[in-house]
């Protein structure tokens, strides 16, 4: 799940001016992280959230999510798909 040149082409923003594209890509990446976090966080208990916060940003985080969130990969894929679809629908407004 990355916002890269391929992603930008897929959502119709490949021709965006380079400086705007870089800024958009950074913002989109941050937004995706927030949305995935919300999707995953909805299925965690308070204790699990505390435990995850201890390891967030480390190499152990992905393994922990795989063990504790059975539908982690599906959640990420769904959020990513929906985000891309949203950007496609808003393409004209983004480019304006």
PDB file of N, CA and C in Angstrom:
ATOM      1  N   UNK A   1       0.846  -1.176   0.000  1.00  0.00           N
ATOM      2  CA  UNK A   1       0.000   0.000   0.000  1.00  0.00           C
ATOM      3  C   UNK A   1       0.886   1.231   0.000  1.00  0.00           C
ATOM      4  N   UNK A   2       1.147   1.729  -1.186  1.00  0.00           N
ATOM      5  CA  UNK A   2       1.975   2.920  -1.309  1.00  0.00           C
ATOM      6  C   UNK A   2       1.391   3.860  -2.345  1.00  0.00           C
ATOM      7  N   UNK A   3       1.569   5.121  -2.090  1.00  0.00           N
ATOM      8  CA  UNK A   3       1.182   6.133  -3.063  1.00  0.00           C
ATOM      9  C   UNK A   3       2.448   6.471  -3.840  1.00  0.00           C
ATOM     10  N   UNK A   4       2.502   5.936  -5.051  1.00  0.00           N
ATOM     11  CA  UNK A   4       3.670   6.131  -5.900  1.00  0.00           C
ATOM     12  C   UNK A   4       3.209   6.571  -7.290  1.00  0.00           C
ATOM     13  N   UNK A   5       4.134   6.596  -8.232  1.00  0.00           N
ATOM     14  CA  UNK A   5       3.803   7.030  -9.596  1.00  0.00           C
ATOM     15  C   UNK A   5       2.716   6.155 -10.205  1.00  0.00           C
ATOM     16  N   UNK A   6       2.794   4.862  -9.977  1.00  0.00           N
ATOM     17  CA  UNK A   6       1.783   3.944 -10.510  1.00  0.00           C
ATOM     18  C   UNK A   6       0.408   4.293  -9.947  1.00  0.00           C
ATOM     19  N   UNK A   7       0.333   4.505  -8.651  1.00  0.00           N
ATOM     20  CA  UNK A   7      -0.912   4.891  -7.996  1.00  0.00           C
ATOM     21  C   UNK A   7      -1.460   6.163  -8.650  1.00  0.00           C
ATOM     22  N   UNK A   8      -0.602   7.145  -8.845  1.00  0.00           N
ATOM     23  CA  UNK A   8      -1.038   8.419  -9.411  1.00  0.00           C
ATOM     24  C   UNK A   8      -1.598   8.236 -10.823  1.00  0.00           C
ATOM     25  N   UNK A   9      -0.959   7.405 -11.620  1.00  0.00           N
ATOM     26  CA  UNK A   9      -1.483   7.131 -12.964  1.00  0.00           C
ATOM     27  C   UNK A   9      -2.831   6.423 -12.886  1.00  0.00           C
ATOM     28  N   UNK A  10      -2.954   5.463 -11.976  1.00  0.00           N
ATOM     29  CA  UNK A  10      -4.192   4.687 -11.854  1.00  0.00           C
ATOM     30  C   UNK A  10      -5.388   5.553 -11.457  1.00  0.00           C
ATOM     31  N   UNK A  11      -5.143   6.598 -10.683  1.00  0.00           N
ATOM     32  CA  UNK A  11      -6.252   7.459 -10.249  1.00  0.00           C
ATOM     33  C   UNK A  11      -6.423   8.675 -11.157  1.00  0.00           C
ATOM     34  N   UNK A  12      -5.638   8.747 -12.229  1.00  0.00           N
ATOM     35  CA  UNK A  12      -5.797   9.828 -13.189  1.00  0.00           C
ATOM     36  C   UNK A  12      -5.056  11.104 -12.850  1.00  0.00           C
ATOM     37  N   UNK A  13      -4.050  11.007 -11.982  1.00  0.00           N
ATOM     38  CA  UNK A  13      -3.296  12.194 -11.581  1.00  0.00           C
ATOM     39  C   UNK A  13      -1.836  12.136 -12.022  1.00  0.00           C
ATOM     40  N   UNK A  14      -1.542  11.268 -12.954  1.00  0.00           N
ATOM     41  CA  UNK A  14      -0.163  11.090 -13.400  1.00  0.00           C
ATOM     42  C   UNK A  14       0.443  12.316 -14.049  1.00  0.00           C
ATOM     43  N   UNK A  15      -0.387  13.160 -14.618  1.00  0.00           N
ATOM     44  CA  UNK A  15       0.119  14.348 -15.317  1.00  0.00           C
ATOM     45  C   UNK A  15       0.156  15.599 -14.431  1.00  0.00           C
ATOM     46  N   UNK A  16      -0.112  15.431 -13.172  1.00  0.00           N
ATOM     47  CA  UNK A  16      -0.069  16.556 -12.235  1.00  0.00           C
ATOM     48  C   UNK A  16       1.347  17.134 -12.228  1.00  0.00           C
ATOM     49  N   UNK A  17       1.491  18.460 -12.119  1.00  0.00           N
ATOM     50  CA  UNK A  17       2.843  19.052 -12.033  1.00  0.00           C
ATOM     51  C   UNK A  17       3.647  18.389 -10.905  1.00  0.00           C
ATOM     52  N   UNK A  18       4.918  18.187 -11.158  1.00  0.00           N
ATOM     53  CA  UNK A  18       5.759  17.387 -10.268  1.00  0.00           C
ATOM     54  C   UNK A  18       5.750  17.856  -8.810  1.00  0.00           C
ATOM     55  N   UNK A  19       5.855  19.157  -8.561  1.00  0.00           N
ATOM     56  CA  UNK A  19       5.880  19.635  -7.173  1.00  0.00           C
ATOM     57  C   UNK A  19       4.541  19.378  -6.483  1.00  0.00           C
ATOM     58  N   UNK A  20       3.453  19.590  -7.197  1.00  0.00           N
ATOM     59  CA  UNK A  20       2.132  19.310  -6.640  1.00  0.00           C
ATOM     60  C   UNK A  20       1.938  17.811  -6.416  1.00  0.00           C
ATOM     61  N   UNK A  21       2.443  17.026  -7.345  1.00  0.00           N
ATOM     62  CA  UNK A  21       2.307  15.573  -7.243  1.00  0.00           C
ATOM     63  C   UNK A  21       3.004  15.051  -5.990  1.00  0.00           C
ATOM     64  N   UNK A  22       4.227  15.514  -5.759  1.00  0.00           N
ATOM     65  CA  UNK A  22       4.980  15.060  -4.570  1.00  0.00           C
ATOM     66  C   UNK A  22       4.227  15.416  -3.287  1.00  0.00           C
ATOM     67  N   UNK A  23       3.723  16.636  -3.223  1.00  0.00           N
ATOM     68  CA  UNK A  23       2.980  17.061  -2.034  1.00  0.00           C
ATOM     69  C   UNK A  23       1.710  16.225  -1.877  1.00  0.00           C
ATOM     70  N   UNK A  24       1.016  15.985  -2.978  1.00  0.00           N
ATOM     71  CA  UNK A  24      -0.203  15.187  -2.922  1.00  0.00           C
ATOM     72  C   UNK A  24       0.108  13.757  -2.474  1.00  0.00           C
ATOM     73  N   UNK A  25       1.175  13.190  -3.009  1.00  0.00           N
ATOM     74  CA  UNK A  25       1.545  11.821  -2.656  1.00  0.00           C
ATOM     75  C   UNK A  25       1.852  11.693  -1.166  1.00  0.00           C
ATOM     76  N   UNK A  26       2.554  12.664  -0.615  1.00  0.00           N
ATOM     77  CA  UNK A  26       2.860  12.639   0.818  1.00  0.00           C
ATOM     78  C   UNK A  26       1.587  12.725   1.643  1.00  0.00           C
ATOM     79  N   UNK A  27       0.715  13.639   1.272  1.00  0.00           N
ATOM     80  CA  UNK A  27      -0.550  13.792   1.993  1.00  0.00           C
ATOM     81  C   UNK A  27      -1.397  12.530   1.874  1.00  0.00           C
ATOM     82  N   UNK A  28      -1.475  11.968   0.685  1.00  0.00           N
ATOM     83  CA  UNK A  28      -2.276  10.767   0.463  1.00  0.00           C
ATOM     84  C   UNK A  28      -1.742   9.591   1.274  1.00  0.00           C
ATOM     85  N   UNK A  29      -0.435   9.453   1.351  1.00  0.00           N
ATOM     86  CA  UNK A  29       0.179   8.375   2.136  1.00  0.00           C
ATOM     87  C   UNK A  29      -0.198   8.513   3.614  1.00  0.00           C
ATOM     88  N   UNK A  30      -0.131   9.728   4.131  1.00  0.00           N
ATOM     89  CA  UNK A  30      -0.512   9.974   5.529  1.00  0.00           C
ATOM     90  C   UNK A  30      -1.991   9.664   5.745  1.00  0.00           C
ATOM     91  N   UNK A  31      -2.825  10.074   4.816  1.00  0.00           N
ATOM     92  CA  UNK A  31      -4.258   9.820   4.929  1.00  0.00           C
ATOM     93  C   UNK A  31      -4.555   8.327   4.910  1.00  0.00           C
ATOM     94  N   UNK A  32      -3.874   7.595   4.074  1.00  0.00           N
ATOM     95  CA  UNK A  32      -4.056   6.143   4.034  1.00  0.00           C
ATOM     96  C   UNK A  32      -3.675   5.509   5.369  1.00  0.00           C
ATOM     97  N   UNK A  33      -2.580   5.948   5.948  1.00  0.00           N
ATOM     98  CA  UNK A  33      -2.167   5.410   7.239  1.00  0.00           C
ATOM     99  C   UNK A  33      -3.235   5.650   8.293  1.00  0.00           C
ATOM    100  N   UNK A  34      -3.811   6.830   8.303  1.00  0.00           N
ATOM    101  CA  UNK A  34      -4.866   7.151   9.258  1.00  0.00           C
ATOM    102  C   UNK A  34      -6.082   6.249   9.031  1.00  0.00           C
ATOM    103  N   UNK A  35      -6.488   6.117   7.785  1.00  0.00           N
ATOM    104  CA  UNK A  35      -7.676   5.314   7.479  1.00  0.00           C
ATOM    105  C   UNK A  35      -7.472   3.836   7.793  1.00  0.00           C
ATOM    106  N   UNK A  36      -6.298   3.314   7.497  1.00  0.00           N
ATOM    107  CA  UNK A  36      -6.020   1.923   7.845  1.00  0.00           C
ATOM    108  C   UNK A  36      -6.022   1.776   9.361  1.00  0.00           C
ATOM    109  N   UNK A  37      -5.409   2.714  10.048  1.00  0.00           N
ATOM    110  CA  UNK A  37      -5.401   2.681  11.506  1.00  0.00           C
ATOM    111  C   UNK A  37      -6.797   2.688  12.089  1.00  0.00           C
ATOM    112  N   UNK A  38      -7.669   3.486  11.533  1.00  0.00           N
ATOM    113  CA  UNK A  38      -9.049   3.527  12.006  1.00  0.00           C
ATOM    114  C   UNK A  38      -9.746   2.199  11.742  1.00  0.00           C
ATOM    115  N   UNK A  39      -9.533   1.648  10.556  1.00  0.00           N
ATOM    116  CA  UNK A  39     -10.166   0.375  10.219  1.00  0.00           C
ATOM    117  C   UNK A  39      -9.695  -0.760  11.103  1.00  0.00           C
ATOM    118  N   UNK A  40      -8.394  -0.812  11.341  1.00  0.00           N
ATOM    119  CA  UNK A  40      -7.828  -1.860  12.187  1.00  0.00           C
ATOM    120  C   UNK A  40      -8.188  -1.611  13.650  1.00  0.00           C
ATOM    121  N   UNK A  41      -8.093  -0.358  14.068  1.00  0.00           N
ATOM    122  CA  UNK A  41      -8.366  -0.020  15.465  1.00  0.00           C
ATOM    123  C   UNK A  41      -9.777  -0.353  15.899  1.00  0.00           C
ATOM    124  N   UNK A  42     -10.707  -0.331  14.979  1.00  0.00           N
ATOM    125  CA  UNK A  42     -12.100  -0.624  15.311  1.00  0.00           C
ATOM    126  C   UNK A  42     -12.280  -2.052  15.814  1.00  0.00           C
ATOM    127  N   UNK A  43     -11.357  -2.947  15.461  1.00  0.00           N
ATOM    128  CA  UNK A  43     -11.500  -4.345  15.866  1.00  0.00           C
ATOM    129  C   UNK A  43     -10.644  -4.704  17.079  1.00  0.00           C
ATOM    130  N   UNK A  44      -9.929  -3.731  17.638  1.00  0.00           N
ATOM    131  CA  UNK A  44      -9.046  -4.012  18.772  1.00  0.00           C
ATOM    132  C   UNK A  44      -9.671  -3.608  20.096  1.00  0.00           C
ATOM    133  N   UNK A  45      -9.334  -4.349  21.133  1.00  0.00           N
ATOM    134  CA  UNK A  45      -9.730  -3.962  22.487  1.00  0.00           C
ATOM    135  C   UNK A  45      -8.815  -2.843  22.958  1.00  0.00           C
ATOM    136  N   UNK A  46      -9.167  -2.212  24.051  1.00  0.00           N
ATOM    137  CA  UNK A  46      -8.304  -1.160  24.611  1.00  0.00           C
ATOM    138  C   UNK A  46      -6.931  -1.715  24.978  1.00  0.00           C
ATOM    139  N   UNK A  47      -6.906  -2.934  25.516  1.00  0.00           N
ATOM    140  CA  UNK A  47      -5.641  -3.552  25.887  1.00  0.00           C
ATOM    141  C   UNK A  47      -4.775  -3.805  24.652  1.00  0.00           C
ATOM    142  N   UNK A  48      -5.417  -4.270  23.581  1.00  0.00           N
ATOM    143  CA  UNK A  48      -4.674  -4.505  22.352  1.00  0.00           C
ATOM    144  C   UNK A  48      -4.150  -3.189  21.767  1.00  0.00           C
ATOM    145  N   UNK A  49      -4.957  -2.149  21.836  1.00  0.00           N
ATOM    146  CA  UNK A  49      -4.502  -0.842  21.339  1.00  0.00           C
ATOM    147  C   UNK A  49      -3.275  -0.381  22.114  1.00  0.00           C
ATOM    148  N   UNK A  50      -3.308  -0.525  23.440  1.00  0.00           N
ATOM    149  CA  UNK A  50      -2.156  -0.146  24.253  1.00  0.00           C
ATOM    150  C   UNK A  50      -0.921  -0.952  23.867  1.00  0.00           C
ATOM    151  N   UNK A  51      -1.116  -2.257  23.684  1.00  0.00           N
ATOM    152  CA  UNK A  51      -0.012  -3.128  23.302  1.00  0.00           C
ATOM    153  C   UNK A  51       0.554  -2.726  21.943  1.00  0.00           C
ATOM    154  N   UNK A  52      -0.332  -2.455  20.996  1.00  0.00           N
ATOM    155  CA  UNK A  52       0.130  -2.086  19.662  1.00  0.00           C
ATOM    156  C   UNK A  52       0.867  -0.749  19.676  1.00  0.00           C
ATOM    157  N   UNK A  53       0.375   0.196  20.452  1.00  0.00           N
ATOM    158  CA  UNK A  53       1.028   1.504  20.524  1.00  0.00           C
ATOM    159  C   UNK A  53       2.476   1.387  20.996  1.00  0.00           C
ATOM    160  N   UNK A  54       2.761   0.359  21.791  1.00  0.00           N
ATOM    161  CA  UNK A  54       4.129   0.136  22.273  1.00  0.00           C
ATOM    162  C   UNK A  54       5.080  -0.254  21.142  1.00  0.00           C
ATOM    163  N   UNK A  55       4.547  -0.915  20.105  1.00  0.00           N
ATOM    164  CA  UNK A  55       5.417  -1.415  19.041  1.00  0.00           C
ATOM    165  C   UNK A  55       5.171  -0.751  17.693  1.00  0.00           C
ATOM    166  N   UNK A  56       4.215   0.149  17.628  1.00  0.00           N
ATOM    167  CA  UNK A  56       3.907   0.823  16.361  1.00  0.00           C
ATOM    168  C   UNK A  56       5.166   1.473  15.803  1.00  0.00           C
ATOM    169  N   UNK A  57       5.371   1.320  14.518  1.00  0.00           N
ATOM    170  CA  UNK A  57       6.537   1.900  13.865  1.00  0.00           C
ATOM    171  C   UNK A  57       7.776   1.028  13.917  1.00  0.00           C
ATOM    172  N   UNK A  58       7.658  -0.141  14.515  1.00  0.00           N
ATOM    173  CA  UNK A  58       8.792  -1.062  14.563  1.00  0.00           C
ATOM    174  C   UNK A  58       8.553  -2.221  13.608  1.00  0.00           C
ATOM    175  N   UNK A  59       9.588  -3.018  13.426  1.00  0.00           N
ATOM    176  CA  UNK A  59       9.456  -4.198  12.560  1.00  0.00           C
ATOM    177  C   UNK A  59       8.451  -5.198  13.120  1.00  0.00           C
ATOM    178  N   UNK A  60       8.254  -5.199  14.415  1.00  0.00           N
ATOM    179  CA  UNK A  60       7.346  -6.159  15.055  1.00  0.00           C
ATOM    180  C   UNK A  60       5.877  -5.824  14.817  1.00  0.00           C
ATOM    181  N   UNK A  61       5.582  -4.614  14.398  1.00  0.00           N
ATOM    182  CA  UNK A  61       4.185  -4.180  14.262  1.00  0.00           C
ATOM    183  C   UNK A  61       3.413  -5.007  13.241  1.00  0.00           C
ATOM    184  N   UNK A  62       3.998  -5.267  12.099  1.00  0.00           N
ATOM    185  CA  UNK A  62       3.294  -6.025  11.056  1.00  0.00           C
ATOM    186  C   UNK A  62       2.979  -7.439  11.531  1.00  0.00           C
ATOM    187  N   UNK A  63       3.930  -8.083  12.174  1.00  0.00           N
ATOM    188  CA  UNK A  63       3.684  -9.433  12.702  1.00  0.00           C
ATOM    189  C   UNK A  63       2.589  -9.408  13.758  1.00  0.00           C
ATOM    190  N   UNK A  64       2.632  -8.409  14.605  1.00  0.00           N
ATOM    191  CA  UNK A  64       1.619  -8.296  15.659  1.00  0.00           C
ATOM    192  C   UNK A  64       0.227  -8.151  15.039  1.00  0.00           C
ATOM    193  N   UNK A  65       0.120  -7.302  14.029  1.00  0.00           N
ATOM    194  CA  UNK A  65      -1.170  -7.111  13.360  1.00  0.00           C
ATOM    195  C   UNK A  65      -1.651  -8.403  12.714  1.00  0.00           C
ATOM    196  N   UNK A  66      -0.762  -9.134  12.086  1.00  0.00           N
ATOM    197  CA  UNK A  66      -1.133 -10.412  11.457  1.00  0.00           C
ATOM    198  C   UNK A  66      -1.701 -11.388  12.489  1.00  0.00           C
ATOM    199  N   UNK A  67      -1.121 -11.402  13.680  1.00  0.00           N
ATOM    200  CA  UNK A  67      -1.572 -12.325  14.735  1.00  0.00           C
ATOM    201  C   UNK A  67      -2.845 -11.871  15.419  1.00  0.00           C
ATOM    202  N   UNK A  68      -3.023 -10.562  15.573  1.00  0.00           N
ATOM    203  CA  UNK A  68      -4.115 -10.050  16.406  1.00  0.00           C
ATOM    204  C   UNK A  68      -5.306  -9.485  15.640  1.00  0.00           C
ATOM    205  N   UNK A  69      -5.140  -9.272  14.364  1.00  0.00           N
ATOM    206  CA  UNK A  69      -6.234  -8.741  13.543  1.00  0.00           C
ATOM    207  C   UNK A  69      -6.409  -9.708  12.368  1.00  0.00           C
ATOM    208  N   UNK A  70      -7.309 -10.682  12.534  1.00  0.00           N
ATOM    209  CA  UNK A  70      -7.451 -11.725  11.510  1.00  0.00           C
ATOM    210  C   UNK A  70      -7.704 -11.200  10.098  1.00  0.00           C
ATOM    211  N   UNK A  71      -8.406 -10.103   9.967  1.00  0.00           N
ATOM    212  CA  UNK A  71      -8.709  -9.579   8.630  1.00  0.00           C
ATOM    213  C   UNK A  71      -7.862  -8.360   8.283  1.00  0.00           C
ATOM    214  N   UNK A  72      -6.657  -8.310   8.841  1.00  0.00           N
ATOM    215  CA  UNK A  72      -5.776  -7.159   8.627  1.00  0.00           C
ATOM    216  C   UNK A  72      -5.532  -6.893   7.139  1.00  0.00           C
ATOM    217  N   UNK A  73      -5.128  -7.901   6.408  1.00  0.00           N
ATOM    218  CA  UNK A  73      -4.821  -7.717   4.978  1.00  0.00           C
ATOM    219  C   UNK A  73      -6.062  -7.301   4.199  1.00  0.00           C
ATOM    220  N   UNK A  74      -7.201  -7.880   4.526  1.00  0.00           N
ATOM    221  CA  UNK A  74      -8.444  -7.518   3.848  1.00  0.00           C
ATOM    222  C   UNK A  74      -8.842  -6.081   4.164  1.00  0.00           C
ATOM    223  N   UNK A  75      -8.634  -5.673   5.404  1.00  0.00           N
ATOM    224  CA  UNK A  75      -8.940  -4.293   5.799  1.00  0.00           C
ATOM    225  C   UNK A  75      -8.063  -3.318   5.025  1.00  0.00           C
ATOM    226  N   UNK A  76      -6.780  -3.605   4.946  1.00  0.00           N
ATOM    227  CA  UNK A  76      -5.856  -2.736   4.211  1.00  0.00           C
ATOM    228  C   UNK A  76      -6.258  -2.664   2.741  1.00  0.00           C
ATOM    229  N   UNK A  77      -6.547  -3.817   2.150  1.00  0.00           N
ATOM    230  CA  UNK A  77      -6.925  -3.842   0.734  1.00  0.00           C
ATOM    231  C   UNK A  77      -8.214  -3.057   0.497  1.00  0.00           C
ATOM    232  N   UNK A  78      -9.186  -3.205   1.385  1.00  0.00           N
ATOM    233  CA  UNK A  78     -10.457  -2.499   1.237  1.00  0.00           C
ATOM    234  C   UNK A  78     -10.267  -0.990   1.365  1.00  0.00           C
ATOM    235  N   UNK A  79      -9.514  -0.561   2.361  1.00  0.00           N
ATOM    236  CA  UNK A  79      -9.252   0.869   2.560  1.00  0.00           C
ATOM    237  C   UNK A  79      -8.524   1.438   1.343  1.00  0.00           C
ATOM    238  N   UNK A  80      -7.527   0.725   0.848  1.00  0.00           N
ATOM    239  CA  UNK A  80      -6.754   1.180  -0.305  1.00  0.00           C
ATOM    240  C   UNK A  80      -7.648   1.301  -1.539  1.00  0.00           C
ATOM    241  N   UNK A  81      -8.460   0.296  -1.792  1.00  0.00           N
ATOM    242  CA  UNK A  81      -9.368   0.314  -2.943  1.00  0.00           C
ATOM    243  C   UNK A  81     -10.341   1.492  -2.835  1.00  0.00           C
ATOM    244  N   UNK A  82     -10.956   1.655  -1.667  1.00  0.00           N
ATOM    245  CA  UNK A  82     -11.924   2.736  -1.479  1.00  0.00           C
ATOM    246  C   UNK A  82     -11.273   4.112  -1.625  1.00  0.00           C
ATOM    247  N   UNK A  83     -10.041   4.240  -1.139  1.00  0.00           N
ATOM    248  CA  UNK A  83      -9.325   5.500  -1.239  1.00  0.00           C
ATOM    249  C   UNK A  83      -9.037   5.840  -2.705  1.00  0.00           C
ATOM    250  N   UNK A  84      -8.567   4.852  -3.452  1.00  0.00           N
ATOM    251  CA  UNK A  84      -8.313   5.068  -4.874  1.00  0.00           C
ATOM    252  C   UNK A  84      -9.598   5.464  -5.598  1.00  0.00           C
ATOM    253  N   UNK A  85     -10.680   4.797  -5.284  1.00  0.00           N
ATOM    254  CA  UNK A  85     -11.962   5.109  -5.911  1.00  0.00           C
ATOM    255  C   UNK A  85     -12.398   6.536  -5.576  1.00  0.00           C
ATOM    256  N   UNK A  86     -12.215   6.932  -4.336  1.00  0.00           N
ATOM    257  CA  UNK A  86     -12.559   8.292  -3.914  1.00  0.00           C
ATOM    258  C   UNK A  86     -11.751   9.332  -4.689  1.00  0.00           C
ATOM    259  N   UNK A  87     -10.475   9.086  -4.842  1.00  0.00           N
ATOM    260  CA  UNK A  87      -9.628  10.029  -5.574  1.00  0.00           C
ATOM    261  C   UNK A  87     -10.037  10.088  -7.040  1.00  0.00           C
ATOM    262  N   UNK A  88     -10.346   8.954  -7.633  1.00  0.00           N
ATOM    263  CA  UNK A  88     -10.807   8.963  -9.029  1.00  0.00           C
ATOM    264  C   UNK A  88     -12.054   9.837  -9.183  1.00  0.00           C
ATOM    265  N   UNK A  89     -12.995   9.697  -8.240  1.00  0.00           N
ATOM    266  CA  UNK A  89     -14.234  10.487  -8.310  1.00  0.00           C
ATOM    267  C   UNK A  89     -13.959  11.972  -8.129  1.00  0.00           C
ATOM    268  N   UNK A  90     -12.941  12.325  -7.344  1.00  0.00           N
ATOM    269  CA  UNK A  90     -12.624  13.714  -7.034  1.00  0.00           C
ATOM    270  C   UNK A  90     -11.508  14.283  -7.912  1.00  0.00           C
ATOM    271  N   UNK A  91     -11.096  13.528  -8.913  1.00  0.00           N
ATOM    272  CA  UNK A  91      -9.968  13.893  -9.755  1.00  0.00           C
ATOM    273  C   UNK A  91     -10.067  15.328 -10.275  1.00  0.00           C
ATOM    274  N   UNK A  92     -11.197  15.683 -10.854  1.00  0.00           N
ATOM    275  CA  UNK A  92     -11.330  17.013 -11.446  1.00  0.00           C
ATOM    276  C   UNK A  92     -11.172  18.112 -10.392  1.00  0.00           C
ATOM    277  N   UNK A  93     -11.749  17.903  -9.225  1.00  0.00           N
ATOM    278  CA  UNK A  93     -11.623  18.888  -8.148  1.00  0.00           C
ATOM    279  C   UNK A  93     -10.183  18.985  -7.658  1.00  0.00           C
ATOM    280  N   UNK A  94      -9.499  17.861  -7.587  1.00  0.00           N
ATOM    281  CA  UNK A  94      -8.097  17.859  -7.152  1.00  0.00           C
ATOM    282  C   UNK A  94      -7.228  18.622  -8.127  1.00  0.00           C
ATOM    283  N   UNK A  95      -7.486  18.451  -9.408  1.00  0.00           N
ATOM    284  CA  UNK A  95      -6.667  19.101 -10.431  1.00  0.00           C
ATOM    285  C   UNK A  95      -7.025  20.574 -10.643  1.00  0.00           C
ATOM    286  N   UNK A  96      -8.182  20.999 -10.133  1.00  0.00           N
ATOM    287  CA  UNK A  96      -8.626  22.380 -10.339  1.00  0.00           C
ATOM    288  C   UNK A  96      -7.796  23.377  -9.551  1.00  0.00           C
TER     289      UNK A  96
END
